[in-house]
Protein backbone atom coordinates (compact mmCIF):
# COMPACT_ATOMS: atom_id res chain seq x y z
CA MET A 1 -29.04 75.24 -34.94
CA SER A 2 -32.10 76.98 -33.13
CA ASP A 3 -32.87 76.51 -29.15
CA PHE A 4 -36.88 75.07 -30.02
CA ILE A 5 -35.66 72.61 -33.03
CA LEU A 6 -32.24 71.70 -30.66
CA PHE A 7 -35.22 70.90 -27.75
CA VAL A 8 -37.23 68.83 -30.55
CA VAL A 9 -34.72 67.16 -30.96
CA VAL A 10 -33.22 66.37 -28.10
CA LEU A 11 -36.51 65.10 -26.30
CA GLY A 12 -37.51 63.02 -29.32
CA THR A 13 -34.24 60.70 -29.43
CA LEU A 14 -34.40 59.81 -26.26
CA ILE A 15 -38.01 59.18 -25.66
CA ILE A 16 -38.00 57.44 -29.57
CA GLY A 17 -35.00 55.76 -28.22
CA HIS A 18 -36.17 54.87 -24.95
CA GLU A 19 -39.42 53.08 -26.83
CA LEU A 20 -36.87 51.84 -28.70
CA GLY A 21 -35.60 49.65 -26.12
CA HIS A 22 -39.00 47.94 -25.67
CA PHE A 23 -39.56 47.78 -28.66
CA ILE A 24 -36.05 46.11 -29.57
CA ALA A 25 -36.69 43.87 -26.98
CA SER A 26 -40.19 43.13 -27.63
CA LYS A 27 -38.81 41.60 -30.95
CA LEU A 28 -36.44 39.40 -29.42
CA SER A 29 -38.15 37.90 -26.04
CA GLY A 30 -40.87 36.98 -29.45
CA VAL A 31 -43.65 39.19 -28.28
CA LYS A 32 -45.65 40.78 -30.46
CA VAL A 33 -45.45 43.63 -31.28
CA LYS A 34 -48.87 45.99 -32.86
CA GLU A 35 -47.60 49.63 -33.83
CA PHE A 36 -43.96 51.80 -33.39
CA GLY A 37 -44.38 54.87 -34.05
CA ILE A 38 -42.49 57.90 -34.10
CA GLY A 39 -43.88 61.21 -32.71
CA TYR A 40 -47.56 60.48 -31.43
CA PRO A 41 -50.80 60.20 -33.03
CA PRO A 42 -53.07 61.21 -34.89
CA ARG A 43 -51.31 59.59 -37.13
CA ILE A 44 -49.77 61.64 -40.62
CA LEU A 45 -49.46 57.63 -42.64
CA THR A 46 -48.01 54.29 -42.10
CA LEU A 47 -44.88 53.95 -43.35
CA PHE A 48 -44.88 50.27 -43.63
CA GLU A 49 -46.13 47.14 -42.59
CA PHE A 50 -42.95 44.39 -41.26
CA LYS A 51 -43.78 40.51 -39.14
CA GLY A 52 -47.15 42.20 -38.22
CA THR A 53 -45.76 45.11 -36.90
CA LYS A 54 -46.87 48.84 -38.55
CA TYR A 55 -44.15 51.51 -38.81
CA THR A 56 -46.17 54.72 -38.05
CA LEU A 57 -45.15 58.51 -38.37
CA ASN A 58 -47.88 60.46 -36.40
CA TRP A 59 -48.54 64.76 -36.36
CA ILE A 60 -46.99 65.10 -32.57
CA PRO A 61 -43.35 65.51 -33.24
CA PHE A 62 -42.72 64.38 -29.55
CA GLY A 63 -41.36 61.10 -29.84
CA GLY A 64 -42.31 57.79 -30.59
CA PHE A 65 -44.73 55.07 -28.72
CA ASN A 66 -43.72 51.60 -28.64
CA LEU A 67 -47.64 49.26 -28.34
CA PRO A 68 -46.94 45.56 -28.10
CA GLU A 69 -50.37 42.97 -28.72
CA GLY A 70 -51.89 42.38 -25.33
CA GLU A 71 -50.26 44.71 -23.15
CA ASP A 72 -53.45 44.65 -20.52
CA ASP A 73 -55.27 41.31 -21.91
CA PRO A 74 -53.46 37.30 -20.90
CA SER A 75 -55.50 35.77 -23.65
CA VAL A 76 -54.04 37.48 -26.33
CA PRO A 77 -51.38 34.54 -28.17
CA GLY A 78 -47.81 35.64 -28.18
CA GLY A 79 -49.17 39.08 -26.16
CA PHE A 80 -47.34 41.28 -23.65
CA ALA A 81 -49.25 39.93 -21.21
CA ALA A 82 -49.51 37.06 -21.74
CA SER A 83 -45.15 37.26 -21.57
CA SER A 84 -43.64 35.30 -19.10
CA LYS A 85 -43.23 37.36 -15.84
CA ARG A 86 -39.32 37.33 -16.89
CA VAL A 87 -40.38 37.95 -20.76
CA ARG A 88 -42.85 40.91 -19.50
CA THR A 89 -39.91 42.78 -16.96
CA THR A 90 -37.17 42.19 -19.36
CA VAL A 91 -39.38 44.44 -21.98
CA LEU A 92 -39.67 46.71 -19.46
CA LEU A 93 -36.36 47.22 -17.83
CA ALA A 94 -35.27 47.73 -21.75
CA GLY A 95 -36.72 51.16 -22.00
CA PRO A 96 -34.34 52.97 -19.07
CA ALA A 97 -31.84 50.75 -19.92
CA ALA A 98 -32.12 52.75 -23.66
CA ASN A 99 -31.82 55.32 -21.73
CA ILE A 100 -29.00 54.82 -19.09
CA LEU A 101 -27.34 53.14 -22.60
CA LEU A 102 -28.09 57.22 -24.93
CA ALA A 103 -26.96 58.90 -21.50
CA PHE A 104 -23.28 57.17 -21.53
CA LEU A 105 -23.28 57.21 -24.98
CA ALA A 106 -24.09 61.90 -24.13
CA PHE A 107 -21.12 61.77 -21.66
CA LEU A 108 -18.41 59.90 -23.97
CA LEU A 109 -18.50 61.77 -26.89
CA ALA A 110 -18.55 65.14 -24.36
CA PHE A 111 -15.31 63.99 -22.43
CA LYS A 112 -14.01 62.33 -25.67
CA PHE A 113 -13.85 65.27 -27.92
CA SER A 114 -14.80 68.57 -25.76
CA ALA A 115 -13.91 68.26 -21.71
CA PRO A 116 -12.40 71.41 -20.83
CA ASP A 117 -8.93 71.12 -19.41
CA PHE A 118 -9.02 72.64 -16.16
CA GLU A 119 -4.95 73.72 -16.29
CA GLN A 120 -6.42 76.87 -18.93
CA VAL A 121 -8.17 79.65 -18.40
CA GLN A 122 -10.28 80.76 -21.43
CA VAL A 123 -12.47 83.46 -22.34
CA ILE A 124 -15.48 82.09 -23.46
CA GLN A 125 -17.67 85.53 -23.34
CA VAL A 126 -17.47 89.11 -23.12
CA VAL A 127 -19.24 91.72 -22.07
CA GLU A 128 -20.41 94.99 -24.12
CA ASP A 129 -19.46 98.54 -22.05
CA THR A 130 -17.24 96.55 -20.09
CA PRO A 131 -13.60 97.08 -18.98
CA ALA A 132 -12.80 94.04 -20.95
CA ALA A 133 -14.59 94.47 -24.09
CA GLN A 134 -12.97 98.18 -23.84
CA ALA A 135 -9.39 96.72 -23.78
CA GLY A 136 -10.24 94.67 -26.66
CA ILE A 137 -10.30 91.26 -25.13
CA LEU A 138 -12.23 88.07 -27.11
CA THR A 139 -14.51 85.46 -26.73
CA GLY A 140 -12.33 82.61 -27.39
CA ASP A 141 -8.68 84.26 -25.69
CA LEU A 142 -6.54 81.63 -23.18
CA ILE A 143 -5.61 83.94 -21.08
CA LEU A 144 -1.39 83.74 -19.78
CA SER A 145 -0.89 85.63 -17.09
CA VAL A 146 -1.75 88.58 -14.43
CA ASP A 147 0.31 91.40 -13.95
CA ASP A 148 3.33 88.44 -15.03
CA GLN A 149 0.95 86.31 -12.76
CA GLN A 150 0.57 82.74 -14.17
CA ILE A 151 -3.10 81.16 -14.64
CA THR A 152 -3.05 77.91 -13.97
CA GLY A 153 -6.76 77.41 -13.60
CA THR A 154 -9.48 79.81 -12.44
CA ASP A 155 -9.28 80.61 -9.15
CA SER A 156 -6.69 81.70 -10.08
CA MET A 157 -8.18 84.49 -12.10
CA VAL A 158 -9.95 85.70 -10.23
CA ALA A 159 -7.63 85.89 -7.02
CA ALA A 160 -5.40 87.69 -9.66
CA VAL A 161 -7.86 90.08 -10.91
CA LYS A 162 -9.84 90.60 -7.25
CA SER A 163 -6.40 92.03 -5.61
CA ARG A 164 -6.12 94.85 -9.01
CA ILE A 165 -8.78 96.60 -8.30
CA GLY A 166 -9.05 99.76 -9.13
CA MET A 167 -5.75 99.56 -10.53
CA VAL A 168 -4.43 99.19 -14.73
CA THR A 169 -3.21 95.88 -14.94
CA GLU A 170 -1.89 94.03 -17.77
CA ILE A 171 -3.56 90.36 -19.02
CA THR A 172 -1.39 88.22 -21.53
CA LEU A 173 -3.09 86.39 -23.38
CA LEU A 174 -2.44 83.86 -26.63
CA ARG A 175 -4.66 84.38 -29.70
CA GLU A 176 -4.34 82.05 -32.53
CA GLY A 177 -1.21 81.63 -31.51
CA GLN A 178 0.26 84.74 -30.83
CA GLU A 179 0.50 86.10 -27.14
CA ILE A 180 -0.82 89.93 -27.38
CA THR A 181 -0.67 92.01 -23.88
CA VAL A 182 -3.84 94.47 -22.93
CA GLU A 183 -4.49 96.44 -19.72
CA VAL A 184 -7.93 96.40 -18.21
CA ILE A 185 -9.01 98.58 -14.72
CA PRO A 186 -10.99 96.02 -12.94
CA ARG A 187 -13.92 97.39 -11.21
CA GLU A 188 -15.35 97.40 -7.74
CA GLN A 189 -18.77 97.79 -8.38
CA TYR A 190 -19.84 95.32 -10.73
CA PRO A 191 -23.28 93.55 -11.32
CA SER A 192 -22.77 89.88 -9.89
CA ASP A 193 -22.95 88.12 -13.25
CA GLN A 194 -20.56 90.00 -15.21
CA GLY A 195 -17.02 90.24 -12.96
CA PRO A 196 -14.28 92.81 -11.73
CA VAL A 197 -13.53 92.84 -15.62
CA GLY A 198 -16.56 91.69 -17.47
CA VAL A 199 -16.07 88.36 -18.75
CA THR A 200 -17.30 84.55 -18.62
CA LEU A 201 -14.68 82.45 -17.67
CA GLY A 202 -13.61 78.49 -19.26
CA HIS A 203 -12.61 75.80 -20.39
CA PRO A 204 -10.02 75.22 -23.20
CA ALA A 205 -11.20 71.64 -24.71
CA LYS A 206 -8.77 68.80 -25.06
CA THR A 207 -9.29 64.82 -26.41
CA MET A 208 -9.16 62.55 -23.38
CA SER A 209 -8.91 58.81 -24.69
CA TRP A 210 -11.82 56.29 -25.63
CA PRO A 211 -10.98 54.77 -22.10
CA ASP A 212 -11.15 57.37 -19.55
CA ALA A 213 -13.81 59.36 -21.55
CA ALA A 214 -15.83 56.05 -20.50
CA LYS A 215 -14.22 55.89 -17.52
CA ILE A 216 -15.91 59.52 -16.67
CA GLY A 217 -19.13 58.61 -18.23
CA ILE A 218 -20.20 55.64 -15.77
CA GLU A 219 -18.65 58.00 -13.03
CA ASN A 220 -21.33 60.70 -14.36
CA ILE A 221 -24.29 58.03 -14.63
CA GLY A 222 -23.30 57.19 -11.06
CA LEU A 223 -23.08 61.11 -10.13
CA GLN A 224 -26.22 61.73 -11.32
CA VAL A 225 -28.52 58.61 -10.47
CA ASN A 226 -26.91 59.24 -6.00
CA ALA A 227 -28.05 62.39 -6.84
CA ILE A 228 -31.04 61.87 -7.40
CA ILE A 229 -31.56 58.45 -4.94
CA ARG A 230 -31.04 60.43 -2.19
CA LEU A 231 -33.54 64.12 -3.32
CA PRO A 232 -36.38 63.12 -1.33
CA GLY A 233 -34.08 62.06 1.96
CA ARG A 234 -32.33 64.81 1.25
CA LEU A 235 -34.98 66.81 1.34
CA ILE A 236 -37.21 65.99 3.67
CA SER A 237 -33.37 66.43 6.03
CA GLY A 238 -33.69 69.79 5.07
CA THR A 239 -30.09 69.94 3.38
CA ALA A 240 -32.08 70.38 -0.12
CA SER A 241 -34.14 73.09 -1.34
CA PRO A 242 -36.98 72.28 -2.32
CA GLU A 243 -35.71 74.32 -5.36
CA GLU A 244 -33.62 71.65 -6.30
CA THR A 245 -35.58 68.71 -5.84
CA ARG A 246 -37.79 70.44 -8.29
CA ILE A 247 -39.29 68.83 -11.77
CA SER A 248 -39.17 70.60 -14.55
CA GLY A 249 -41.46 70.63 -16.99
CA LEU A 250 -40.96 70.95 -21.65
CA LYS A 251 -40.31 74.98 -20.74
CA GLY A 252 -37.88 73.51 -17.79
CA ILE A 253 -35.90 70.98 -20.08
CA HIS A 254 -35.98 73.62 -22.95
CA ASP A 255 -34.55 76.74 -20.89
CA LEU A 256 -31.69 74.24 -19.61
CA LEU A 257 -30.85 73.26 -23.56
CA ALA A 258 -31.09 76.74 -24.36
CA TRP A 259 -28.30 77.68 -21.66
CA ALA A 260 -25.66 75.32 -22.15
CA ASN A 261 -26.27 75.58 -25.48
CA SER A 262 -25.75 79.15 -25.55
CA ILE A 263 -22.49 78.68 -24.02
CA ASP A 264 -21.21 76.22 -26.28
CA ARG A 265 -22.15 78.44 -28.72
CA SER A 266 -19.44 80.72 -27.31
CA ALA A 267 -17.36 78.07 -26.46
CA GLN A 268 -17.66 76.84 -29.80
CA ARG A 269 -17.79 73.18 -28.25
CA PRO A 270 -21.10 71.41 -27.17
CA PHE A 271 -19.68 69.58 -24.19
CA LEU A 272 -22.54 71.23 -21.90
CA THR A 273 -25.09 70.76 -24.13
CA LEU A 274 -23.77 66.54 -24.39
CA ASN A 275 -23.62 66.87 -20.76
CA MET A 276 -27.05 68.72 -20.40
CA ILE A 277 -28.14 65.48 -22.68
CA GLY A 278 -27.19 63.36 -20.04
CA VAL A 279 -28.60 64.30 -17.58
CA ILE A 280 -32.26 64.98 -19.01
CA SER A 281 -31.28 60.46 -20.17
CA THR A 282 -30.68 59.56 -16.92
CA GLY A 283 -33.26 61.41 -14.98
CA LEU A 284 -35.92 59.76 -18.08
CA ALA A 285 -34.39 56.58 -16.59
CA LEU A 286 -35.72 56.93 -13.14
CA ALA A 287 -38.37 58.81 -13.55
CA ASN A 288 -39.90 55.78 -15.92
CA LEU A 289 -39.15 53.61 -13.04
CA LEU A 290 -40.32 55.08 -9.90
CA PRO A 291 -43.22 52.71 -8.66
CA LEU A 292 -46.64 54.94 -10.01
CA PRO A 293 -49.72 52.90 -11.94
CA ALA A 294 -48.52 53.63 -16.27
CA LEU A 295 -45.15 53.66 -15.74
CA ASP A 296 -42.55 51.09 -16.58
CA GLY A 297 -42.34 51.09 -12.67
CA GLY A 298 -45.47 50.47 -11.48
CA ARG A 299 -46.20 47.46 -13.98
CA LEU A 300 -43.16 46.00 -12.48
CA MET A 301 -44.89 46.37 -9.23
CA PHE A 302 -47.58 44.08 -10.60
CA ILE A 303 -44.87 41.79 -11.69
CA LEU A 304 -43.75 41.97 -8.42
CA PHE A 305 -46.68 41.76 -6.77
CA GLU A 306 -47.10 38.38 -8.67
CA VAL A 307 -43.73 37.17 -7.78
CA VAL A 308 -44.23 37.10 -3.97
CA PHE A 309 -48.23 36.04 -3.43
CA ARG A 310 -47.81 33.92 -7.03
CA ARG A 311 -51.45 35.00 -7.99
CA ARG A 312 -52.08 37.86 -10.41
CA ILE A 313 -54.11 40.96 -9.95
CA SER A 314 -57.19 40.51 -13.28
CA PRO A 315 -55.53 42.36 -16.60
CA ARG A 316 -59.07 44.39 -15.98
CA HIS A 317 -57.94 45.68 -12.68
CA GLU A 318 -55.45 45.80 -13.58
CA GLY A 319 -55.61 48.03 -16.76
CA LEU A 320 -58.57 50.32 -14.20
CA VAL A 321 -55.53 51.09 -11.90
CA HIS A 322 -53.77 51.87 -15.01
CA ALA A 323 -56.05 54.25 -16.57
CA ILE A 324 -56.47 56.05 -13.15
CA GLY A 325 -53.10 56.63 -12.83
CA PHE A 326 -52.85 57.35 -16.13
CA THR A 327 -55.43 60.81 -15.76
CA LEU A 328 -53.61 61.47 -12.13
CA LEU A 329 -50.12 60.94 -13.83
CA LEU A 330 -51.07 63.34 -16.99
CA ALA A 331 -53.15 65.73 -14.45
CA LEU A 332 -49.61 66.10 -12.74
CA MET A 333 -47.27 66.58 -15.86
CA ILE A 334 -49.79 70.31 -16.43
CA TYR A 335 -49.61 71.52 -13.20
CA ILE A 336 -45.60 70.59 -14.07
CA ASN A 337 -45.71 72.21 -17.29
CA LEU A 338 -47.49 74.98 -15.75
CA GLN A 339 -45.42 75.53 -12.58
CA ASP A 340 -42.69 76.61 -15.75
CA PHE A 341 -44.07 79.33 -17.00
CA VAL A 342 -45.54 80.68 -12.95
CA ASN A 343 -42.36 79.98 -11.42
CA PRO A 344 -39.65 79.72 -14.01
CA ILE A 345 -36.72 77.60 -13.13
CA SER A 346 -33.74 79.07 -11.24
CA LEU A 347 -30.45 78.78 -14.40
CA PRO A 348 -26.95 78.20 -13.73
């Protein structure tokens, strides 16, 4: 799959999943839905209509949308704005909850079927015209030993090779079930992204049990949420660099997925790509919960105001705030996406 198609499929799935969360919660809560669209308008065609909801296909492929009846008008019977505070809160939270669920599924599949075995070292990339390439080391080889020193992880591999700089070194490999030995001379001078012999190291995949994979999936979501929540404080205190707190636009997301996909192609498993999907989906969930107008979090703030002060801001004023917020949000997104081209993100 090409990097661009992967980007469209992943981003589209995560956005549609988010909107599907709103849609399912709306239907279960009795909120009328005017339209559920795949892609963004302009509309290509109406696929079908069922129980008052139009299901449409639209030209812009990045995701979809859920359009409830009476989104900002409480005078519409059965509409979103006319629903109770509990129902509106449930519908709003269902979108981010769907993204958390998708993140969990991505992490679950990554660790169930392609988790790295950190006790083994595998060659996942060989750079041309390097000692490794000249010695015949191939992508997929397992490294068993370096000059009879058993390799039990990347740290032991790096230490063993660096101790042999400039000397003829025997490396024992496991390839297609057979042990072979090659000779290399680790370089003293080498590009920082290549190492002394010119290989990228990784780990072979191992299969985990469903409970263990699920446990790690939940832990990963917790780590992502904690890291994102703590990031503003770390930036203020100076313990995080501006690059760490930078928001990525569409190009940044594309580049991260392309980087993960390139590594996974070499390793012949989708571990990094699935983890990156989990990270992006968790980020989308939290971004939508920010208390900004036009986002789910912004609408939740109006409900919170209603709970605290026991009165509702007029629909006209709320709609105006969301309209202005959407305009500012659109301007911010344009700026963020331009920054992705002017100052591309630093890939791992």
